Amino acid sequence: MARDTLVIQELGSEGSQYDLDIAYTAMVAANDMDFDNVGGNILILVKNAGSSGAQTVTFVSVADEYGRTGDIDLEVAQGATGVAGPFLPTIWNQSTGKLNIDSAHEDTLSLAAVRYRPL
C-alpha cells in the first residue's frame, strides 16, 4: 500500500510562530499517511470534520533498542482538532525514515504536519 505523505509546514521564527495559515490534507480511504520525521520537532494536527462522533488515528511505533513499542491512539471529537507529537525518531521512524499514521476513519479526517522552532 502506498501511503500519502504529509508535507511539513514551517512555522515562522521569533514572534511570528503562530501566524501560519495551516493547510490540511484529507486522509484518503485505504492509503493512510506518513511524514518525514526529521529533527523530532514536528507536531501533527488532526481535524475531524465528520458527523458521526469521535474518530481515531494511530501513530505507529517501532521497537527501540530495548524492544519496546507503544502505538499512540489519538481520539478526536467531532468538529474538533487534536494535536500529537513531537515524536522521537528512534522510537517512531519506520525503516523508510518516516512515521506511519493509520486510521479506520479516513474519509472524515484531515491532517497537517507542522515543524516548530523552540525559542
C-alpha atoms as a PDB file:
ATOM      1  CA  MET A   1       0.000   0.000   0.000  1.00  0.00           C
ATOM      2  CA  ALA A   2       1.374   3.391  -0.968  1.00  0.00           C
ATOM      3  CA  ARG A   3       0.896   5.957   1.780  1.00  0.00           C
ATOM      4  CA  ASP A   4       0.113   9.622   1.231  1.00  0.00           C
ATOM      5  CA  THR A   5       2.980  11.744   2.576  1.00  0.00           C
ATOM      6  CA  LEU A   6       2.233  14.908   4.550  1.00  0.00           C
ATOM      7  CA  VAL A   7       4.252  17.970   3.556  1.00  0.00           C
ATOM      8  CA  ILE A   8       5.981  19.565   6.556  1.00  0.00           C
ATOM      9  CA  GLN A   9       4.904  23.184   7.053  1.00  0.00           C
ATOM     10  CA  GLU A  10       7.393  25.511   8.729  1.00  0.00           C
ATOM     11  CA  LEU A  11       6.324  27.920  11.453  1.00  0.00           C
ATOM     12  CA  GLY A  12       7.827  31.395  11.301  1.00  0.00           C
ATOM     13  CA  SER A  13      10.650  32.420  13.595  1.00  0.00           C
ATOM     14  CA  GLU A  14      10.520  34.532  16.748  1.00  0.00           C
ATOM     15  CA  GLY A  15       7.294  36.414  17.236  1.00  0.00           C
ATOM     16  CA  SER A  16       5.515  35.019  14.187  1.00  0.00           C
ATOM     17  CA  GLN A  17       5.397  31.339  15.015  1.00  0.00           C
ATOM     18  CA  TYR A  18       1.601  31.388  15.330  1.00  0.00           C
ATOM     19  CA  ASP A  19       0.875  33.275  12.096  1.00  0.00           C
ATOM     20  CA  LEU A  20       0.968  30.268   9.770  1.00  0.00           C
ATOM     21  CA  ASP A  21      -2.053  29.588   7.588  1.00  0.00           C
ATOM     22  CA  ILE A  22      -2.091  25.819   8.100  1.00  0.00           C
ATOM     23  CA  ALA A  23      -3.033  23.667   5.112  1.00  0.00           C
ATOM     24  CA  TYR A  24      -4.666  20.329   5.890  1.00  0.00           C
ATOM     25  CA  THR A  25      -4.545  17.182   3.743  1.00  0.00           C
ATOM     26  CA  ALA A  26      -7.538  14.834   3.697  1.00  0.00           C
ATOM     27  CA  MET A  27      -6.879  11.189   4.505  1.00  0.00           C
ATOM     28  CA  VAL A  28      -7.769   9.034   1.519  1.00  0.00           C
ATOM     29  CA  ALA A  29      -9.558   5.764   2.180  1.00  0.00           C
ATOM     30  CA  ALA A  30      -7.164   2.799   2.266  1.00  0.00           C
ATOM     31  CA  ASN A  31      -3.979   4.912   1.836  1.00  0.00           C
ATOM     32  CA  ASP A  32      -3.202   6.027   5.387  1.00  0.00           C
ATOM     33  CA  MET A  33      -0.403   8.599   5.766  1.00  0.00           C
ATOM     34  CA  ASP A  34       3.199   9.176   6.765  1.00  0.00           C
ATOM     35  CA  PHE A  35       5.629  12.073   7.148  1.00  0.00           C
ATOM     36  CA  ASP A  36       9.388  12.641   7.226  1.00  0.00           C
ATOM     37  CA  ASN A  37      10.058  12.710  10.968  1.00  0.00           C
ATOM     38  CA  VAL A  38      13.376  14.552  10.978  1.00  0.00           C
ATOM     39  CA  GLY A  39      14.523  16.573  13.974  1.00  0.00           C
ATOM     40  CA  GLY A  40      11.882  15.485  16.463  1.00  0.00           C
ATOM     41  CA  ASN A  41      10.193  18.914  16.427  1.00  0.00           C
ATOM     42  CA  ILE A  42       7.122  18.182  14.308  1.00  0.00           C
ATOM     43  CA  LEU A  43       3.532  18.292  15.518  1.00  0.00           C
ATOM     44  CA  ILE A  44       0.641  16.576  13.747  1.00  0.00           C
ATOM     45  CA  LEU A  45      -2.736  18.323  13.757  1.00  0.00           C
ATOM     46  CA  VAL A  46      -5.775  16.114  13.150  1.00  0.00           C
ATOM     47  CA  LYS A  47      -9.097  17.720  12.213  1.00  0.00           C
ATOM     48  CA  ASN A  48     -12.324  15.699  12.473  1.00  0.00           C
ATOM     49  CA  ALA A  49     -14.947  17.160  10.143  1.00  0.00           C
ATOM     50  CA  GLY A  50     -17.129  14.050  10.336  1.00  0.00           C
ATOM     51  CA  SER A  51     -20.704  13.871  11.527  1.00  0.00           C
ATOM     52  CA  SER A  52     -20.574  10.508  13.275  1.00  0.00           C
ATOM     53  CA  GLY A  53     -18.747  11.305  16.502  1.00  0.00           C
ATOM     54  CA  ALA A  54     -15.158  10.904  17.610  1.00  0.00           C
ATOM     55  CA  GLN A  55     -12.583   9.463  15.199  1.00  0.00           C
ATOM     56  CA  THR A  56      -9.202   7.878  15.998  1.00  0.00           C
ATOM     57  CA  VAL A  57      -5.798   7.972  14.324  1.00  0.00           C
ATOM     58  CA  THR A  58      -2.925   5.693  15.298  1.00  0.00           C
ATOM     59  CA  PHE A  59       0.726   6.745  15.287  1.00  0.00           C
ATOM     60  CA  VAL A  60       2.623   3.519  14.629  1.00  0.00           C
ATOM     61  CA  SER A  61       5.738   2.932  16.751  1.00  0.00           C
ATOM     62  CA  VAL A  62       8.710   0.657  16.096  1.00  0.00           C
ATOM     63  CA  ALA A  63      10.781  -1.349  18.550  1.00  0.00           C
ATOM     64  CA  ASP A  64      13.578   0.717  20.088  1.00  0.00           C
ATOM     65  CA  GLU A  65      16.987  -0.734  21.010  1.00  0.00           C
ATOM     66  CA  TYR A  66      15.354  -2.399  24.043  1.00  0.00           C
ATOM     67  CA  GLY A  67      12.466  -3.906  22.050  1.00  0.00           C
ATOM     68  CA  ARG A  68       9.823  -1.533  23.430  1.00  0.00           C
ATOM     69  CA  THR A  69       6.897  -0.430  21.294  1.00  0.00           C
ATOM     70  CA  GLY A  70       3.792   1.573  22.020  1.00  0.00           C
ATOM     71  CA  ASP A  71       1.488   2.992  19.389  1.00  0.00           C
ATOM     72  CA  ILE A  72      -0.417   6.157  20.272  1.00  0.00           C
ATOM     73  CA  ASP A  73      -4.145   6.322  19.542  1.00  0.00           C
ATOM     74  CA  LEU A  74      -5.407   9.906  19.319  1.00  0.00           C
ATOM     75  CA  GLU A  75      -9.172  10.242  19.549  1.00  0.00           C
ATOM     76  CA  VAL A  76     -10.506  13.499  18.095  1.00  0.00           C
ATOM     77  CA  ALA A  77     -14.048  14.620  18.921  1.00  0.00           C
ATOM     78  CA  GLN A  78     -16.484  15.514  16.149  1.00  0.00           C
ATOM     79  CA  GLY A  79     -15.755  19.053  14.909  1.00  0.00           C
ATOM     80  CA  ALA A  80     -12.527  19.274  16.924  1.00  0.00           C
ATOM     81  CA  THR A  81      -8.802  19.338  16.182  1.00  0.00           C
ATOM     82  CA  GLY A  82      -6.308  17.164  18.063  1.00  0.00           C
ATOM     83  CA  VAL A  83      -2.537  17.579  18.305  1.00  0.00           C
ATOM     84  CA  ALA A  84       0.129  14.898  18.709  1.00  0.00           C
ATOM     85  CA  GLY A  85       3.915  14.977  18.889  1.00  0.00           C
ATOM     86  CA  PRO A  86       6.722  15.619  18.831  1.00  0.00           C
ATOM     87  CA  PHE A  87       7.929  12.102  18.058  1.00  0.00           C
ATOM     88  CA  LEU A  88      11.435  10.862  18.874  1.00  0.00           C
ATOM     89  CA  PRO A  89      12.753   9.441  15.562  1.00  0.00           C
ATOM     90  CA  THR A  90      14.457   6.387  17.165  1.00  0.00           C
ATOM     91  CA  ILE A  91      11.128   5.149  18.530  1.00  0.00           C
ATOM     92  CA  TRP A  92       8.763   6.246  15.785  1.00  0.00           C
ATOM     93  CA  ASN A  93      10.523   6.161  12.406  1.00  0.00           C
ATOM     94  CA  GLN A  94       9.983   3.163  10.159  1.00  0.00           C
ATOM     95  CA  SER A  95      12.898   1.854   8.054  1.00  0.00           C
ATOM     96  CA  THR A  96      11.896   4.472   5.462  1.00  0.00           C
ATOM     97  CA  GLY A  97      12.695   7.291   7.925  1.00  0.00           C
ATOM     98  CA  LYS A  98       9.004   8.177   8.063  1.00  0.00           C
ATOM     99  CA  LEU A  99       6.406   7.895  10.807  1.00  0.00           C
ATOM    100  CA  ASN A 100       3.259   5.998   9.798  1.00  0.00           C
ATOM    101  CA  ILE A 101      -0.244   7.241  10.657  1.00  0.00           C
ATOM    102  CA  ASP A 102      -3.203   4.859  10.321  1.00  0.00           C
ATOM    103  CA  SER A 103      -6.946   5.291  10.709  1.00  0.00           C
ATOM    104  CA  ALA A 104     -10.144   3.388  10.023  1.00  0.00           C
ATOM    105  CA  HIS A 105     -11.986   6.750   9.727  1.00  0.00           C
ATOM    106  CA  GLU A 106     -10.060   8.162   6.822  1.00  0.00           C
ATOM    107  CA  ASP A 107     -12.919   9.789   4.937  1.00  0.00           C
ATOM    108  CA  THR A 108     -13.639  12.376   7.630  1.00  0.00           C
ATOM    109  CA  LEU A 109     -10.150  13.318   8.819  1.00  0.00           C
ATOM    110  CA  SER A 110      -7.659  15.915   7.604  1.00  0.00           C
ATOM    111  CA  LEU A 111      -4.081  16.193   8.862  1.00  0.00           C
ATOM    112  CA  ALA A 112      -1.296  18.764   8.872  1.00  0.00           C
ATOM    113  CA  ALA A 113       2.377  18.386   9.821  1.00  0.00           C
ATOM    114  CA  VAL A 114       3.959  21.485  11.361  1.00  0.00           C
ATOM    115  CA  ARG A 115       7.615  21.973  12.339  1.00  0.00           C
ATOM    116  CA  TYR A 116       8.212  24.378  15.201  1.00  0.00           C
ATOM    117  CA  ARG A 117      11.427  26.024  16.344  1.00  0.00           C
ATOM    118  CA  PRO A 118      11.993  26.053  20.101  1.00  0.00           C
ATOM    119  CA  LEU A 119      12.901  29.533  21.316  1.00  0.00           C
END
